[in-house]
Amino acid sequence: MTKRNDKGQFATPDENQISPENEELLGLYLDSLKSQKQGTKGSTSDTRGREVRYWLAYCEQRGIDPLAAVTEDVIGYIQSITDQSDTTIDSYYRSVQSFYSVVENDQMHDRLELEHGHPCRDKSDINLKDDFDVHASTSEYKRQHTTAGLDLDGTRDGDAVLALKPQAVEQLFDNVPGKRKQTRLRNEIAVRLNWYTRYFPNESRGACLNGPKKSLSV
């Protein structure tokens, strides 16, 4: 079973330790990556090395030979990390793609041979957007707080608006700060006015202040 560290990051039991055989395979991949793509930045190489290690650890835990992996194995890996942000999933998948592209093109190391070919060459194999609703440029914050424009007044159909969802804002109504009742009332009015006049500009102020949960009273 996939394990994570105390930060929620993917991790194998001993801080991502893999077998000596897979350590060698990782080293061969990085060596070939450096020779094939000489302009690769050090930070990119470090990311690929770290994330390919995650993939090799996943394979090791499940008895999969990385050099004989098929598309279904990669899909299983993606399914094991769907609780991560879109950008993280995309990066992990790109590292798996990089591993197989480099291994497939390698002509220096006898060991770097794929038994079944590249398991995730392009979108015809795996499409993160269509198959998993993962958008490469979407951060976790945006994924949680983006609202379709057609749901809001004053925006064009199809526009994406980065904003708190209604359910999140309504929770603020009953949890406004303030030591005194009058202070809390003032703060609640400010929150409600901001919310309702922004998203329901055609509603009357009295109706807005009453809101969906309760009326205001001193």
Protein backbone atom coordinates (compact mmCIF):
# COMPACT_ATOMS: atom_id res chain seq x y z
CA MET A 1 0.00 0.00 0.00
CA THR A 2 1.28 3.47 -0.85
CA LYS A 3 2.68 5.23 2.20
CA ARG A 4 3.21 8.94 2.85
CA ASN A 5 5.40 10.88 5.24
CA ASP A 6 4.16 13.33 7.87
CA LYS A 7 3.86 16.04 5.21
CA GLY A 8 1.52 13.90 3.11
CA GLN A 9 4.18 13.22 0.50
CA PHE A 10 4.51 9.83 -1.20
CA ALA A 11 7.11 7.74 0.58
CA THR A 12 8.22 4.16 0.83
CA PRO A 13 8.90 2.62 4.26
CA ASP A 14 12.53 3.73 4.74
CA GLU A 15 12.46 7.24 3.32
CA ASN A 16 12.10 6.06 -0.27
CA GLN A 17 14.75 3.36 -0.04
CA ILE A 18 14.65 0.99 -3.00
CA SER A 19 16.54 -2.18 -3.73
CA PRO A 20 20.16 -2.03 -4.96
CA GLU A 21 18.92 -3.29 -8.33
CA ASN A 22 16.49 -0.40 -8.68
CA GLU A 23 19.08 2.05 -7.33
CA GLU A 24 21.33 0.96 -10.20
CA LEU A 25 18.44 1.34 -12.65
CA LEU A 26 17.75 4.85 -11.37
CA GLY A 27 21.41 5.75 -11.74
CA LEU A 28 21.50 4.45 -15.32
CA TYR A 29 18.38 6.47 -16.14
CA LEU A 30 19.87 9.69 -14.74
CA ASP A 31 23.15 9.07 -16.55
CA SER A 32 21.31 8.53 -19.83
CA LEU A 33 19.05 11.53 -19.21
CA LYS A 34 22.12 13.73 -18.79
CA SER A 35 23.68 12.46 -22.03
CA GLN A 36 20.47 12.65 -24.08
CA LYS A 37 19.36 16.07 -22.84
CA GLN A 38 22.52 17.97 -22.04
CA GLY A 39 20.64 21.21 -21.50
CA THR A 40 18.58 19.78 -18.65
CA LYS A 41 18.71 22.04 -15.59
CA GLY A 42 20.06 20.62 -12.37
CA SER A 43 16.75 21.29 -10.62
CA THR A 44 14.87 19.39 -13.33
CA SER A 45 17.27 16.46 -13.07
CA ASP A 46 16.84 16.42 -9.28
CA THR A 47 13.04 16.43 -9.65
CA ARG A 48 13.09 13.63 -12.20
CA GLY A 49 15.42 11.56 -10.04
CA ARG A 50 13.28 12.01 -6.93
CA GLU A 51 9.99 11.30 -8.70
CA VAL A 52 11.28 8.36 -10.75
CA ARG A 53 12.38 6.92 -7.41
CA TYR A 54 8.72 7.14 -6.29
CA TRP A 55 7.70 5.19 -9.38
CA LEU A 56 10.38 2.55 -8.87
CA ALA A 57 9.35 2.23 -5.22
CA TYR A 58 5.72 1.77 -6.27
CA CYS A 59 6.75 -0.95 -8.72
CA GLU A 60 8.91 -2.64 -6.10
CA GLN A 61 6.11 -2.71 -3.56
CA ARG A 62 3.84 -4.42 -6.08
CA GLY A 63 6.30 -6.82 -7.65
CA ILE A 64 6.31 -4.99 -11.00
CA ASP A 65 9.45 -5.07 -13.14
CA PRO A 66 9.81 -1.39 -14.17
CA LEU A 67 11.31 -2.40 -17.51
CA ALA A 68 8.33 -4.66 -18.23
CA ALA A 69 5.59 -2.31 -17.00
CA VAL A 70 2.49 -1.82 -19.13
CA THR A 71 -0.03 1.01 -19.37
CA GLU A 72 -2.28 -0.52 -16.73
CA ASP A 73 0.58 -0.40 -14.22
CA VAL A 74 1.06 3.33 -14.78
CA ILE A 75 -2.68 3.90 -14.46
CA GLY A 76 -2.62 2.09 -11.12
CA TYR A 77 0.19 4.38 -9.97
CA ILE A 78 -1.76 7.49 -10.93
CA GLN A 79 -4.81 6.16 -9.09
CA SER A 80 -2.67 5.75 -5.97
CA ILE A 81 -1.77 9.46 -5.92
CA THR A 82 -5.09 11.09 -6.87
CA ASP A 83 -5.26 12.77 -3.45
CA GLN A 84 -2.33 14.96 -4.50
CA SER A 85 -2.73 18.33 -6.25
CA ASP A 86 -3.11 18.44 -10.03
CA THR A 87 0.35 19.96 -10.47
CA THR A 88 1.93 17.23 -8.34
CA ILE A 89 0.16 14.41 -10.18
CA ASP A 90 1.17 15.95 -13.51
CA SER A 91 4.81 16.21 -12.41
CA TYR A 92 4.91 12.63 -11.13
CA TYR A 93 3.42 11.38 -14.40
CA ARG A 94 5.85 13.43 -16.50
CA SER A 95 8.70 11.83 -14.59
CA VAL A 96 7.36 8.36 -15.40
CA GLN A 97 7.08 9.39 -19.06
CA SER A 98 10.63 10.75 -18.93
CA PHE A 99 11.92 7.49 -17.49
CA TYR A 100 10.48 5.43 -20.32
CA SER A 101 11.38 7.89 -23.06
CA VAL A 102 15.01 7.99 -21.89
CA VAL A 103 15.21 4.23 -21.47
CA GLU A 104 13.64 3.66 -24.90
CA ASN A 105 16.14 5.97 -26.61
CA ASP A 106 19.21 4.82 -24.69
CA GLN A 107 22.01 3.19 -26.70
CA MET A 108 24.73 3.16 -24.01
CA HIS A 109 23.49 0.77 -21.36
CA ASP A 110 22.65 -2.84 -22.16
CA ARG A 111 20.28 -3.08 -19.21
CA LEU A 112 18.02 -0.25 -20.41
CA GLU A 113 15.71 -2.30 -22.61
CA LEU A 114 11.90 -2.23 -22.42
CA GLU A 115 10.18 -5.58 -22.63
CA HIS A 116 6.82 -4.21 -23.78
CA GLY A 117 7.78 -0.81 -25.14
CA HIS A 118 6.86 2.62 -23.79
CA PRO A 119 3.71 2.22 -21.58
CA CYS A 120 2.63 5.88 -21.66
CA ARG A 121 4.09 7.49 -24.74
CA ASP A 122 1.29 9.98 -25.42
CA LYS A 123 -2.31 10.93 -24.72
CA SER A 124 -3.63 7.94 -26.62
CA ASP A 125 -2.24 5.81 -23.77
CA ILE A 126 -3.12 7.98 -20.76
CA ASN A 127 -4.79 11.39 -20.77
CA LEU A 128 -4.64 13.01 -17.35
CA LYS A 129 -7.27 15.60 -18.21
CA ASP A 130 -9.82 13.25 -19.78
CA ASP A 131 -9.13 10.13 -17.73
CA PHE A 132 -8.51 11.68 -14.31
CA ASP A 133 -9.77 15.28 -14.52
CA VAL A 134 -6.24 16.45 -13.77
CA HIS A 135 -5.24 19.81 -15.21
CA ALA A 136 -1.51 20.37 -15.36
CA SER A 137 -1.56 24.09 -14.61
CA THR A 138 -4.17 23.91 -11.84
CA SER A 139 -2.88 24.23 -8.29
CA GLU A 140 -4.76 22.59 -5.42
CA TYR A 141 -6.00 26.02 -4.25
CA LYS A 142 -7.40 26.83 -7.68
CA ARG A 143 -8.97 23.39 -8.00
CA GLN A 144 -10.78 23.88 -4.70
CA HIS A 145 -11.87 27.50 -5.24
CA THR A 146 -12.50 28.03 -8.96
CA THR A 147 -16.14 28.66 -9.87
CA ALA A 148 -17.52 28.49 -13.40
CA GLY A 149 -18.44 31.92 -14.73
CA LEU A 150 -21.90 30.79 -15.74
CA ASP A 151 -22.70 30.33 -12.04
CA LEU A 152 -22.08 34.01 -11.26
CA ASP A 153 -23.82 37.18 -12.37
CA GLY A 154 -21.75 39.59 -14.43
CA THR A 155 -19.39 37.02 -15.95
CA ARG A 156 -19.34 35.50 -19.38
CA ASP A 157 -20.29 31.88 -19.93
CA GLY A 158 -17.25 29.63 -19.64
CA ASP A 159 -15.16 32.10 -17.66
CA ALA A 160 -13.42 30.65 -14.62
CA VAL A 161 -13.48 32.81 -11.50
CA LEU A 162 -11.13 32.17 -8.58
CA ALA A 163 -13.31 32.64 -5.51
CA LEU A 164 -14.52 30.91 -2.40
CA LYS A 165 -17.41 28.57 -3.04
CA PRO A 166 -20.80 29.64 -1.57
CA GLN A 167 -20.72 26.89 1.06
CA ALA A 168 -17.36 28.12 2.32
CA VAL A 169 -18.50 31.74 2.54
CA GLU A 170 -21.72 30.85 4.34
CA GLN A 171 -19.68 29.18 7.08
CA LEU A 172 -18.20 32.60 7.80
CA PHE A 173 -21.63 33.98 8.72
CA ASP A 174 -21.75 31.98 11.94
CA ASN A 175 -18.04 32.25 12.72
CA VAL A 176 -17.19 35.95 12.44
CA PRO A 177 -14.66 37.24 14.99
CA GLY A 178 -15.45 39.63 17.81
CA LYS A 179 -15.50 39.50 21.60
CA ARG A 180 -18.78 41.43 21.96
CA LYS A 181 -22.13 40.69 20.37
CA GLN A 182 -22.20 44.12 18.72
CA THR A 183 -18.76 43.56 17.19
CA ARG A 184 -19.74 40.17 15.84
CA LEU A 185 -22.95 41.65 14.42
CA ARG A 186 -21.02 44.40 12.64
CA ASN A 187 -18.57 41.90 11.21
CA GLU A 188 -21.33 39.58 10.07
CA ILE A 189 -23.09 42.44 8.29
CA ALA A 190 -19.82 43.30 6.51
CA VAL A 191 -19.33 39.70 5.39
CA ARG A 192 -22.93 39.31 4.23
CA LEU A 193 -22.98 42.61 2.36
CA ASN A 194 -19.74 41.78 0.58
CA TRP A 195 -21.00 38.33 -0.36
CA TYR A 196 -24.54 39.10 -1.43
CA THR A 197 -23.85 42.34 -3.29
CA ARG A 198 -21.07 40.59 -5.21
CA TYR A 199 -22.90 37.42 -6.17
CA PHE A 200 -26.54 38.48 -5.98
CA PRO A 201 -26.56 42.13 -7.12
CA ASN A 202 -30.23 42.02 -8.08
CA GLU A 203 -31.41 40.93 -4.64
CA SER A 204 -32.79 43.49 -2.20
CA ARG A 205 -30.55 44.45 0.70
CA GLY A 206 -33.09 43.27 3.23
CA ALA A 207 -33.26 39.84 1.65
CA CYS A 208 -29.48 39.68 1.50
CA LEU A 209 -29.08 40.49 5.16
CA ASN A 210 -31.60 37.87 6.15
CA GLY A 211 -29.64 35.29 4.16
CA PRO A 212 -30.27 31.59 3.80
CA LYS A 213 -29.54 30.62 7.39
CA LYS A 214 -30.91 33.18 9.78
CA SER A 215 -31.99 36.81 10.19
CA LEU A 216 -29.92 39.38 11.97
CA SER A 217 -31.08 40.81 15.24
CA VAL A 218 -29.47 42.99 17.91
